[in-house]
Every structure is written in C-alpha cells, then in structure tokens.
PDB file of N, CA and C in Angstrom:
ATOM      1  N   MET A   1       0.838  -1.226  -0.032  1.00  0.00           N
ATOM      2  CA  MET A   1       0.143  -0.013  -0.033  1.00  0.00           C
ATOM      3  C   MET A   1       0.825   1.336   0.061  1.00  0.00           C
ATOM      4  N   SER A   2       0.467   2.250  -0.707  1.00  0.00           N
ATOM      5  CA  SER A   2       1.283   3.488  -0.835  1.00  0.00           C
ATOM      6  C   SER A   2       0.947   4.505   0.230  1.00  0.00           C
ATOM      7  N   LYS A   3       1.835   5.206   0.547  1.00  0.00           N
ATOM      8  CA  LYS A   3       1.767   6.346   1.611  1.00  0.00           C
ATOM      9  C   LYS A   3       2.179   7.741   0.873  1.00  0.00           C
ATOM     10  N   LYS A   4       1.602   8.746   1.130  1.00  0.00           N
ATOM     11  CA  LYS A   4       1.805  10.090   0.718  1.00  0.00           C
ATOM     12  C   LYS A   4       2.475  10.834   1.945  1.00  0.00           C
ATOM     13  N   ILE A   5       3.715  11.291   1.339  1.00  0.00           N
ATOM     14  CA  ILE A   5       4.568  12.171   2.382  1.00  0.00           C
ATOM     15  C   ILE A   5       4.433  13.670   2.056  1.00  0.00           C
ATOM     16  N   PHE A   6       4.232  14.400   3.088  1.00  0.00           N
ATOM     17  CA  PHE A   6       4.398  15.769   2.910  1.00  0.00           C
ATOM     18  C   PHE A   6       5.970  16.273   3.040  1.00  0.00           C
ATOM     19  N   VAL A   7       6.359  17.012   2.327  1.00  0.00           N
ATOM     20  CA  VAL A   7       7.800  17.554   2.370  1.00  0.00           C
ATOM     21  C   VAL A   7       7.883  19.054   2.273  1.00  0.00           C
ATOM     22  N   GLY A   8       8.098  19.594   3.209  1.00  0.00           N
ATOM     23  CA  GLY A   8       8.249  21.101   3.529  1.00  0.00           C
ATOM     24  C   GLY A   8       9.384  21.623   3.707  1.00  0.00           C
ATOM     25  N   ASN A   9       9.491  23.127   3.665  1.00  0.00           N
ATOM     26  CA  ASN A   9      10.773  23.751   3.773  1.00  0.00           C
ATOM     27  C   ASN A   9      11.781  23.492   2.701  1.00  0.00           C
ATOM     28  N   LEU A  10      11.194  23.380   1.411  1.00  0.00           N
ATOM     29  CA  LEU A  10      12.046  22.992   0.373  1.00  0.00           C
ATOM     30  C   LEU A  10      12.627  24.328  -0.159  1.00  0.00           C
ATOM     31  N   SER A  11      13.716  24.239  -0.649  1.00  0.00           N
ATOM     32  CA  SER A  11      14.573  25.511  -1.221  1.00  0.00           C
ATOM     33  C   SER A  11      13.522  25.650  -2.593  1.00  0.00           C
ATOM     34  N   PHE A  12      13.285  27.048  -3.007  1.00  0.00           N
ATOM     35  CA  PHE A  12      12.449  27.388  -4.096  1.00  0.00           C
ATOM     36  C   PHE A  12      13.265  26.885  -5.252  1.00  0.00           C
ATOM     37  N   GLN A  13      14.502  26.461  -5.298  1.00  0.00           N
ATOM     38  CA  GLN A  13      15.228  26.096  -6.396  1.00  0.00           C
ATOM     39  C   GLN A  13      15.150  24.473  -6.550  1.00  0.00           C
ATOM     40  N   SER A  14      14.438  23.713  -5.625  1.00  0.00           N
ATOM     41  CA  SER A  14      14.441  22.411  -5.647  1.00  0.00           C
ATOM     42  C   SER A  14      13.679  21.857  -6.838  1.00  0.00           C
ATOM     43  N   THR A  15      14.150  20.563  -7.268  1.00  0.00           N
ATOM     44  CA  THR A  15      13.668  20.064  -8.418  1.00  0.00           C
ATOM     45  C   THR A  15      13.073  18.665  -8.041  1.00  0.00           C
ATOM     46  N   GLU A  16      12.174  18.136  -9.060  1.00  0.00           N
ATOM     47  CA  GLU A  16      11.592  16.835  -8.675  1.00  0.00           C
ATOM     48  C   GLU A  16      12.657  15.760  -8.638  1.00  0.00           C
ATOM     49  N   SER A  17      13.452  15.970  -9.585  1.00  0.00           N
ATOM     50  CA  SER A  17      14.616  14.861  -9.517  1.00  0.00           C
ATOM     51  C   SER A  17      15.612  15.043  -8.363  1.00  0.00           C
ATOM     52  N   GLU A  18      15.851  15.978  -7.933  1.00  0.00           N
ATOM     53  CA  GLU A  18      16.642  16.184  -6.548  1.00  0.00           C
ATOM     54  C   GLU A  18      15.739  15.586  -5.417  1.00  0.00           C
ATOM     55  N   ILE A  19      14.513  15.806  -5.264  1.00  0.00           N
ATOM     56  CA  ILE A  19      13.551  15.148  -4.275  1.00  0.00           C
ATOM     57  C   ILE A  19      13.597  13.742  -4.329  1.00  0.00           C
ATOM     58  N   THR A  20      13.487  13.128  -5.706  1.00  0.00           N
ATOM     59  CA  THR A  20      13.262  11.746  -6.008  1.00  0.00           C
ATOM     60  C   THR A  20      14.652  11.063  -5.539  1.00  0.00           C
ATOM     61  N   GLN A  21      15.954  11.754  -5.776  1.00  0.00           N
ATOM     62  CA  GLN A  21      17.231  11.152  -5.394  1.00  0.00           C
ATOM     63  C   GLN A  21      17.188  10.940  -3.799  1.00  0.00           C
ATOM     64  N   ALA A  22      16.813  12.037  -3.188  1.00  0.00           N
ATOM     65  CA  ALA A  22      16.883  11.920  -1.681  1.00  0.00           C
ATOM     66  C   ALA A  22      15.993  10.740  -1.093  1.00  0.00           C
ATOM     67  N   PHE A  23      14.845  10.704  -1.759  1.00  0.00           N
ATOM     68  CA  PHE A  23      14.047   9.525  -1.143  1.00  0.00           C
ATOM     69  C   PHE A  23      14.166   8.243  -1.688  1.00  0.00           C
ATOM     70  N   GLU A  24      14.801   8.021  -2.689  1.00  0.00           N
ATOM     71  CA  GLU A  24      15.220   6.736  -3.375  1.00  0.00           C
ATOM     72  C   GLU A  24      15.984   5.957  -2.533  1.00  0.00           C
ATOM     73  N   GLN A  25      16.775   6.546  -1.700  1.00  0.00           N
ATOM     74  CA  GLN A  25      17.774   5.902  -0.665  1.00  0.00           C
ATOM     75  C   GLN A  25      16.887   4.870   0.166  1.00  0.00           C
ATOM     76  N   TYR A  26      15.658   5.221   0.373  1.00  0.00           N
ATOM     77  CA  TYR A  26      14.947   4.327   1.198  1.00  0.00           C
ATOM     78  C   TYR A  26      13.872   3.370   0.667  1.00  0.00           C
ATOM     79  N   GLY A  27      13.729   3.559  -0.706  1.00  0.00           N
ATOM     80  CA  GLY A  27      12.994   2.659  -1.504  1.00  0.00           C
ATOM     81  C   GLY A  27      12.412   3.353  -2.783  1.00  0.00           C
ATOM     82  N   ALA A  28      11.671   2.503  -3.712  1.00  0.00           N
ATOM     83  CA  ALA A  28      11.056   3.019  -4.818  1.00  0.00           C
ATOM     84  C   ALA A  28      10.264   4.135  -4.601  1.00  0.00           C
ATOM     85  N   VAL A  29      10.371   5.350  -5.250  1.00  0.00           N
ATOM     86  CA  VAL A  29       9.658   6.495  -5.389  1.00  0.00           C
ATOM     87  C   VAL A  29       8.547   6.341  -6.483  1.00  0.00           C
ATOM     88  N   GLU A  30       7.272   6.487  -6.155  1.00  0.00           N
ATOM     89  CA  GLU A  30       6.158   6.146  -7.102  1.00  0.00           C
ATOM     90  C   GLU A  30       5.914   7.593  -7.835  1.00  0.00           C
ATOM     91  N   SER A  31       5.888   8.610  -7.019  1.00  0.00           N
ATOM     92  CA  SER A  31       5.762   9.979  -7.657  1.00  0.00           C
ATOM     93  C   SER A  31       6.313  11.146  -6.792  1.00  0.00           C
ATOM     94  N   VAL A  32       6.644  12.286  -7.277  1.00  0.00           N
ATOM     95  CA  VAL A  32       7.149  13.301  -6.722  1.00  0.00           C
ATOM     96  C   VAL A  32       6.278  14.520  -7.320  1.00  0.00           C
ATOM     97  N   SER A  33       5.605  15.539  -6.372  1.00  0.00           N
ATOM     98  CA  SER A  33       4.928  16.616  -6.918  1.00  0.00           C
ATOM     99  C   SER A  33       5.419  17.773  -6.127  1.00  0.00           C
ATOM    100  N   LEU A  34       5.938  18.741  -7.015  1.00  0.00           N
ATOM    101  CA  LEU A  34       6.138  19.851  -6.108  1.00  0.00           C
ATOM    102  C   LEU A  34       5.139  21.089  -6.437  1.00  0.00           C
ATOM    103  N   ILE A  35       4.638  21.661  -5.485  1.00  0.00           N
ATOM    104  CA  ILE A  35       3.590  22.539  -5.445  1.00  0.00           C
ATOM    105  C   ILE A  35       3.931  23.909  -5.936  1.00  0.00           C
ATOM    106  N   THR A  36       3.496  24.608  -7.105  1.00  0.00           N
ATOM    107  CA  THR A  36       3.696  25.801  -7.530  1.00  0.00           C
ATOM    108  C   THR A  36       2.573  26.799  -7.527  1.00  0.00           C
ATOM    109  N   ASP A  37       3.027  28.104  -7.402  1.00  0.00           N
ATOM    110  CA  ASP A  37       1.949  29.243  -7.620  1.00  0.00           C
ATOM    111  C   ASP A  37       1.447  28.989  -8.931  1.00  0.00           C
ATOM    112  N   ARG A  38       0.077  29.198  -8.796  1.00  0.00           N
ATOM    113  CA  ARG A  38      -0.756  29.190 -10.169  1.00  0.00           C
ATOM    114  C   ARG A  38      -0.332  30.296 -11.133  1.00  0.00           C
ATOM    115  N   GLU A  39      -0.216  31.561 -10.451  1.00  0.00           N
ATOM    116  CA  GLU A  39      -0.038  32.606 -11.400  1.00  0.00           C
ATOM    117  C   GLU A  39       1.454  32.918 -11.816  1.00  0.00           C
ATOM    118  N   THR A  40       2.452  32.605 -10.999  1.00  0.00           N
ATOM    119  CA  THR A  40       3.722  32.869 -11.225  1.00  0.00           C
ATOM    120  C   THR A  40       4.582  31.521 -11.778  1.00  0.00           C
ATOM    121  N   GLY A  41       4.031  30.429 -11.353  1.00  0.00           N
ATOM    122  CA  GLY A  41       4.814  29.246 -11.751  1.00  0.00           C
ATOM    123  C   GLY A  41       5.972  28.934 -10.641  1.00  0.00           C
ATOM    124  N   ARG A  42       6.300  29.872  -9.599  1.00  0.00           N
ATOM    125  CA  ARG A  42       7.178  29.672  -8.771  1.00  0.00           C
ATOM    126  C   ARG A  42       6.856  28.496  -7.752  1.00  0.00           C
ATOM    127  N   SER A  43       7.824  27.867  -7.139  1.00  0.00           N
ATOM    128  CA  SER A  43       7.588  26.949  -6.250  1.00  0.00           C
ATOM    129  C   SER A  43       7.097  27.534  -4.961  1.00  0.00           C
ATOM    130  N   LYS A  44       6.222  26.949  -4.257  1.00  0.00           N
ATOM    131  CA  LYS A  44       5.792  27.505  -2.949  1.00  0.00           C
ATOM    132  C   LYS A  44       6.630  26.901  -1.856  1.00  0.00           C
ATOM    133  N   GLY A  45       7.663  25.959  -1.968  1.00  0.00           N
ATOM    134  CA  GLY A  45       8.405  25.570  -1.076  1.00  0.00           C
ATOM    135  C   GLY A  45       7.986  24.211  -0.279  1.00  0.00           C
ATOM    136  N   PHE A  46       7.042  23.412  -0.897  1.00  0.00           N
ATOM    137  CA  PHE A  46       6.679  22.193  -0.382  1.00  0.00           C
ATOM    138  C   PHE A  46       6.073  21.317  -1.690  1.00  0.00           C
ATOM    139  N   GLY A  47       5.981  20.003  -1.150  1.00  0.00           N
ATOM    140  CA  GLY A  47       5.489  19.146  -2.225  1.00  0.00           C
ATOM    141  C   GLY A  47       5.192  17.729  -1.473  1.00  0.00           C
ATOM    142  N   PHE A  48       4.953  16.709  -2.294  1.00  0.00           N
ATOM    143  CA  PHE A  48       4.543  15.443  -2.035  1.00  0.00           C
ATOM    144  C   PHE A  48       5.227  14.355  -2.515  1.00  0.00           C
ATOM    145  N   VAL A  49       5.655  13.198  -1.803  1.00  0.00           N
ATOM    146  CA  VAL A  49       6.138  12.141  -2.389  1.00  0.00           C
ATOM    147  C   VAL A  49       5.238  10.908  -2.016  1.00  0.00           C
ATOM    148  N   VAL A  50       5.117  10.001  -2.999  1.00  0.00           N
ATOM    149  CA  VAL A  50       4.397   8.824  -2.834  1.00  0.00           C
ATOM    150  C   VAL A  50       5.314   7.687  -2.829  1.00  0.00           C
ATOM    151  N   MET A  51       5.354   6.911  -1.824  1.00  0.00           N
ATOM    152  CA  MET A  51       6.255   5.637  -1.735  1.00  0.00           C
ATOM    153  C   MET A  51       5.307   4.401  -1.119  1.00  0.00           C
ATOM    154  N   GLU A  52       6.023   3.309  -1.336  1.00  0.00           N
ATOM    155  CA  GLU A  52       5.431   2.134  -0.473  1.00  0.00           C
ATOM    156  C   GLU A  52       5.411   2.466   1.053  1.00  0.00           C
ATOM    157  N   GLU A  53       4.476   1.950   1.642  1.00  0.00           N
ATOM    158  CA  GLU A  53       4.329   2.328   3.074  1.00  0.00           C
ATOM    159  C   GLU A  53       5.567   2.248   4.202  1.00  0.00           C
ATOM    160  N   GLU A  54       6.255   0.897   3.835  1.00  0.00           N
ATOM    161  CA  GLU A  54       7.547   0.670   4.832  1.00  0.00           C
ATOM    162  C   GLU A  54       8.489   1.645   4.462  1.00  0.00           C
ATOM    163  N   ALA A  55       8.874   1.879   3.045  1.00  0.00           N
ATOM    164  CA  ALA A  55       9.808   2.749   2.670  1.00  0.00           C
ATOM    165  C   ALA A  55       9.505   4.258   3.065  1.00  0.00           C
ATOM    166  N   ALA A  56       8.146   4.469   3.022  1.00  0.00           N
ATOM    167  CA  ALA A  56       7.935   5.982   3.548  1.00  0.00           C
ATOM    168  C   ALA A  56       8.171   6.169   4.858  1.00  0.00           C
ATOM    169  N   ASN A  57       7.816   5.183   5.690  1.00  0.00           N
ATOM    170  CA  ASN A  57       8.291   5.255   7.193  1.00  0.00           C
ATOM    171  C   ASN A  57       9.544   5.424   7.455  1.00  0.00           C
ATOM    172  N   LYS A  58      10.382   4.792   6.660  1.00  0.00           N
ATOM    173  CA  LYS A  58      11.911   4.839   6.821  1.00  0.00           C
ATOM    174  C   LYS A  58      12.215   6.137   6.558  1.00  0.00           C
ATOM    175  N   ALA A  59      11.928   6.741   5.196  1.00  0.00           N
ATOM    176  CA  ALA A  59      12.122   7.916   4.704  1.00  0.00           C
ATOM    177  C   ALA A  59      11.804   9.045   5.755  1.00  0.00           C
ATOM    178  N   ILE A  60      10.586   9.070   6.244  1.00  0.00           N
ATOM    179  CA  ILE A  60      10.137   9.909   7.192  1.00  0.00           C
ATOM    180  C   ILE A  60      11.024  10.101   8.393  1.00  0.00           C
ATOM    181  N   ALA A  61      11.282   8.919   9.012  1.00  0.00           N
ATOM    182  CA  ALA A  61      12.235   8.931  10.117  1.00  0.00           C
ATOM    183  C   ALA A  61      13.557   9.508   9.814  1.00  0.00           C
ATOM    184  N   SER A  62      14.136   9.211   8.659  1.00  0.00           N
ATOM    185  CA  SER A  62      15.424   9.417   8.426  1.00  0.00           C
ATOM    186  C   SER A  62      15.555  10.875   7.871  1.00  0.00           C
ATOM    187  N   LEU A  63      14.732  11.525   6.996  1.00  0.00           N
ATOM    188  CA  LEU A  63      14.947  12.707   6.298  1.00  0.00           C
ATOM    189  C   LEU A  63      14.323  14.096   7.010  1.00  0.00           C
ATOM    190  N   ASN A  64      13.450  13.693   8.004  1.00  0.00           N
ATOM    191  CA  ASN A  64      12.892  14.848   8.820  1.00  0.00           C
ATOM    192  C   ASN A  64      13.951  15.714   9.540  1.00  0.00           C
ATOM    193  N   GLY A  65      14.063  16.921   9.262  1.00  0.00           N
ATOM    194  CA  GLY A  65      15.148  17.722   9.897  1.00  0.00           C
ATOM    195  C   GLY A  65      16.531  17.621   9.021  1.00  0.00           C
ATOM    196  N   SER A  66      16.600  16.849   8.124  1.00  0.00           N
ATOM    197  CA  SER A  66      17.944  16.835   7.335  1.00  0.00           C
ATOM    198  C   SER A  66      18.105  17.876   6.417  1.00  0.00           C
ATOM    199  N   GLN A  67      19.312  18.084   6.030  1.00  0.00           N
ATOM    200  CA  GLN A  67      19.700  19.153   5.121  1.00  0.00           C
ATOM    201  C   GLN A  67      19.584  18.805   3.615  1.00  0.00           C
ATOM    202  N   VAL A  68      18.703  19.488   2.743  1.00  0.00           N
ATOM    203  CA  VAL A  68      18.579  19.176   1.409  1.00  0.00           C
ATOM    204  C   VAL A  68      18.374  20.748   0.760  1.00  0.00           C
ATOM    205  N   GLY A  69      19.522  20.928  -0.119  1.00  0.00           N
ATOM    206  CA  GLY A  69      19.465  22.406  -0.750  1.00  0.00           C
ATOM    207  C   GLY A  69      19.685  23.532   0.198  1.00  0.00           C
ATOM    208  N   GLY A  70      20.424  23.164   1.365  1.00  0.00           N
ATOM    209  CA  GLY A  70      20.782  23.999   2.233  1.00  0.00           C
ATOM    210  C   GLY A  70      19.678  24.492   3.234  1.00  0.00           C
ATOM    211  N   ARG A  71      18.560  23.612   3.292  1.00  0.00           N
ATOM    212  CA  ARG A  71      17.572  23.850   4.110  1.00  0.00           C
ATOM    213  C   ARG A  71      17.051  22.609   4.931  1.00  0.00           C
ATOM    214  N   ALA A  72      16.686  22.637   6.156  1.00  0.00           N
ATOM    215  CA  ALA A  72      16.139  21.564   7.010  1.00  0.00           C
ATOM    216  C   ALA A  72      14.888  21.261   6.660  1.00  0.00           C
ATOM    217  N   LEU A  73      14.514  19.854   6.110  1.00  0.00           N
ATOM    218  CA  LEU A  73      13.232  19.545   5.749  1.00  0.00           C
ATOM    219  C   LEU A  73      12.443  19.164   6.728  1.00  0.00           C
ATOM    220  N   THR A  74      11.017  19.371   6.540  1.00  0.00           N
ATOM    221  CA  THR A  74       9.933  18.997   7.397  1.00  0.00           C
ATOM    222  C   THR A  74       9.413  17.935   6.597  1.00  0.00           C
ATOM    223  N   VAL A  75       9.427  16.635   7.060  1.00  0.00           N
ATOM    224  CA  VAL A  75       9.084  15.416   6.481  1.00  0.00           C
ATOM    225  C   VAL A  75       8.082  14.643   7.337  1.00  0.00           C
ATOM    226  N   ASN A  76       6.883  14.601   6.847  1.00  0.00           N
ATOM    227  CA  ASN A  76       5.863  13.691   7.774  1.00  0.00           C
ATOM    228  C   ASN A  76       4.929  13.173   6.721  1.00  0.00           C
ATOM    229  N   GLU A  77       3.964  12.190   7.388  1.00  0.00           N
ATOM    230  CA  GLU A  77       2.757  11.814   6.581  1.00  0.00           C
ATOM    231  C   GLU A  77       1.837  12.878   6.280  1.00  0.00           C
ATOM    232  N   ALA A  78       1.383  12.865   4.815  1.00  0.00           N
ATOM    233  CA  ALA A  78       0.467  13.932   4.596  1.00  0.00           C
ATOM    234  C   ALA A  78      -0.867  13.843   5.119  1.00  0.00           C
ATOM    235  N   LYS A  79      -1.537  14.658   5.545  1.00  0.00           N
ATOM    236  CA  LYS A  79      -2.881  14.662   5.981  1.00  0.00           C
ATOM    237  C   LYS A  79      -3.692  15.147   5.066  1.00  0.00           C
ATOM    238  N   PRO A  80      -5.036  14.522   5.070  1.00  0.00           N
ATOM    239  CA  PRO A  80      -5.934  14.745   4.052  1.00  0.00           C
ATOM    240  C   PRO A  80      -6.168  16.207   3.870  1.00  0.00           C
ATOM    241  N   MET A  81      -6.414  16.814   2.642  1.00  0.00           N
ATOM    242  CA  MET A  81      -6.607  18.241   2.599  1.00  0.00           C
ATOM    243  C   MET A  81      -7.965  18.513   3.113  1.00  0.00           C
ATOM    244  N   VAL A  82      -8.099  19.623   3.867  1.00  0.00           N
ATOM    245  CA  VAL A  82      -9.298  20.151   4.573  1.00  0.00           C
ATOM    246  C   VAL A  82      -9.874  21.131   3.651  1.00  0.00           C
ATOM    247  N   LYS A  83     -11.271  20.957   3.187  1.00  0.00           N
ATOM    248  CA  LYS A  83     -11.857  21.831   2.419  1.00  0.00           C
ATOM    249  C   LYS A  83     -12.086  23.217   3.258  1.00  0.00           C
ATOM    250  N   ARG A  84     -11.592  24.099   2.663  1.00  0.00           N
ATOM    251  CA  ARG A  84     -11.916  25.560   3.372  1.00  0.00           C
ATOM    252  C   ARG A  84     -13.088  26.214   2.762  1.00  0.00           C
ATOM    253  N   ASP A  85     -13.931  26.845   3.518  1.00  0.00           N
ATOM    254  CA  ASP A  85     -15.025  27.661   2.977  1.00  0.00           C
ATOM    255  C   ASP A  85     -14.509  29.017   2.801  1.00  0.00           C
ATOM    256  N   PHE A  86     -14.515  29.477   1.579  1.00  0.00           N
ATOM    257  CA  PHE A  86     -14.142  30.812   1.206  1.00  0.00           C
ATOM    258  C   PHE A  86     -15.439  31.755   0.927  1.00  0.00           C
ATOM    259  N   GLY A  87     -16.453  31.455   1.498  1.00  0.00           N
ATOM    260  CA  GLY A  87     -17.675  32.244   1.250  1.00  0.00           C
ATOM    261  C   GLY A  87     -17.518  33.663   1.695  1.00  0.00           C
ATOM    262  N   GLY A  88     -18.277  34.507   1.100  1.00  0.00           N
ATOM    263  CA  GLY A  88     -18.222  36.019   1.182  1.00  0.00           C
ATOM    264  C   GLY A  88     -18.601  36.198   2.658  1.00  0.00           C
ATOM    265  N   GLY A  89     -18.079  37.243   3.282  1.00  0.00           N
ATOM    266  CA  GLY A  89     -18.171  37.547   4.677  1.00  0.00           C
ATOM    267  C   GLY A  89     -19.413  37.432   5.385  1.00  0.00           C
ATOM    268  N   GLY A  90     -19.823  37.331   6.463  1.00  0.00           N
ATOM    269  CA  GLY A  90     -20.803  36.950   7.205  1.00  0.00           C
ATOM    270  C   GLY A  90     -22.184  37.663   7.011  1.00  0.00           C
ATOM    271  N   GLY A  91     -21.957  38.803   6.426  1.00  0.00           N
ATOM    272  CA  GLY A  91     -23.436  39.522   6.298  1.00  0.00           C
ATOM    273  C   GLY A  91     -23.707  40.191   7.385  1.00  0.00           C
ATOM    274  N   ARG A  92     -24.759  40.880   7.596  1.00  0.00           N
ATOM    275  CA  ARG A  92     -24.946  41.619   8.823  1.00  0.00           C
ATOM    276  C   ARG A  92     -26.091  40.790   9.745  1.00  0.00           C
ATOM    277  N   GLN A  93     -25.727  40.292  10.840  1.00  0.00           N
ATOM    278  CA  GLN A  93     -26.658  39.596  11.819  1.00  0.00           C
ATOM    279  C   GLN A  93     -26.370  40.190  13.147  1.00  0.00           C
ATOM    280  N   GLY A  94     -27.637  40.518  13.560  1.00  0.00           N
ATOM    281  CA  GLY A  94     -27.501  41.141  14.970  1.00  0.00           C
ATOM    282  C   GLY A  94     -27.673  42.537  15.062  1.00  0.00           C
ATOM    283  N   GLY A  95     -26.807  43.369  14.732  1.00  0.00           N
ATOM    284  CA  GLY A  95     -26.753  44.691  14.535  1.00  0.00           C
ATOM    285  C   GLY A  95     -26.465  45.208  15.946  1.00  0.00           C
ATOM    286  N   GLY A  96     -27.212  46.201  16.461  1.00  0.00           N
ATOM    287  CA  GLY A  96     -27.063  46.498  17.853  1.00  0.00           C
ATOM    288  C   GLY A  96     -25.793  47.522  17.991  1.00  0.00           C
ATOM    289  N   GLY A  97     -25.779  48.420  19.048  1.00  0.00           N
ATOM    290  CA  GLY A  97     -24.865  49.309  19.153  1.00  0.00           C
ATOM    291  C   GLY A  97     -25.067  50.536  18.407  1.00  0.00           C
ATOM    292  N   GLY A  98     -26.093  50.652  17.577  1.00  0.00           N
ATOM    293  CA  GLY A  98     -26.147  51.861  16.652  1.00  0.00           C
ATOM    294  C   GLY A  98     -26.942  52.894  17.219  1.00  0.00           C
ATOM    295  N   ARG A  99     -27.021  53.965  16.551  1.00  0.00           N
ATOM    296  CA  ARG A  99     -27.808  55.082  17.025  1.00  0.00           C
ATOM    297  C   ARG A  99     -29.332  54.739  16.877  1.00  0.00           C
ATOM    298  N   ARG A 100     -30.041  55.113  18.037  1.00  0.00           N
ATOM    299  CA  ARG A 100     -31.315  54.784  18.123  1.00  0.00           C
ATOM    300  C   ARG A 100     -32.314  56.079  17.762  1.00  0.00           C
ATOM    301  N   ASP A 101     -33.446  55.879  17.119  1.00  0.00           N
ATOM    302  CA  ASP A 101     -34.198  56.948  17.050  1.00  0.00           C
ATOM    303  C   ASP A 101     -34.810  57.555  18.370  1.00  0.00           C
ATOM    304  N   ARG A 102     -35.071  58.737  18.516  1.00  0.00           N
ATOM    305  CA  ARG A 102     -35.571  59.151  19.801  1.00  0.00           C
ATOM    306  C   ARG A 102     -37.000  59.615  19.615  1.00  0.00           C
ATOM    307  N   TYR A 103     -37.826  59.334  20.537  1.00  0.00           N
ATOM    308  CA  TYR A 103     -39.298  59.862  20.361  1.00  0.00           C
ATOM    309  C   TYR A 103     -39.505  61.006  20.959  1.00  0.00           C
TER     310      TYR A 103
END
C-alpha cells in the first residue's frame, strides 16, 4: 500500500529529480509533485512524495530535519486536505450598538 508524504521547507530551486534522489535511498519512489503558484509558476516550497508504506516510514524517520538544498526539511505523513470555505463575509446579523431614534 502506498503512503503520501508531505515535504516542507524546500528550497525554491529544488527540482523533482533532486527530491526523488533524496527519497530513493529508502525505497522506490512512485511519484514526486512540487507545488507551484498558479500565477507565477514559482515553487511554494513544499511538495509530496508517494512511496510504499514501509519505505515511506523509513524516509520520514531519516529525512525529517535533514539538510537538502541548504534547508532543514520537514517530512511527515501527508494529512488529507481540509476543504476550506471561502464564502463571502458573514453579512449583517444582530446589529446593535447603533444610534437609536428618539421619540
């Protein structure tokens, strides 16, 4: 069974092949994806690696805090993405505190 690994604090110049090489020491890498900004195409400094579960556990234990590209990596099991609600502001509910008409 495969496990998805979060890799954070990457150098903005890191490449998928560089990350693959770092993780291949612990087992076969199924995929590497570096996250980029939609508008600029520039790396956001994090990505994901998919490996077989046992190899992934070894990689997490060994690579978390290690130096790659001059930066200490954050490596842990990826958590499911939480859907965030970007709805428009809450509208006016309640009111109060405003000026009242006097009789």
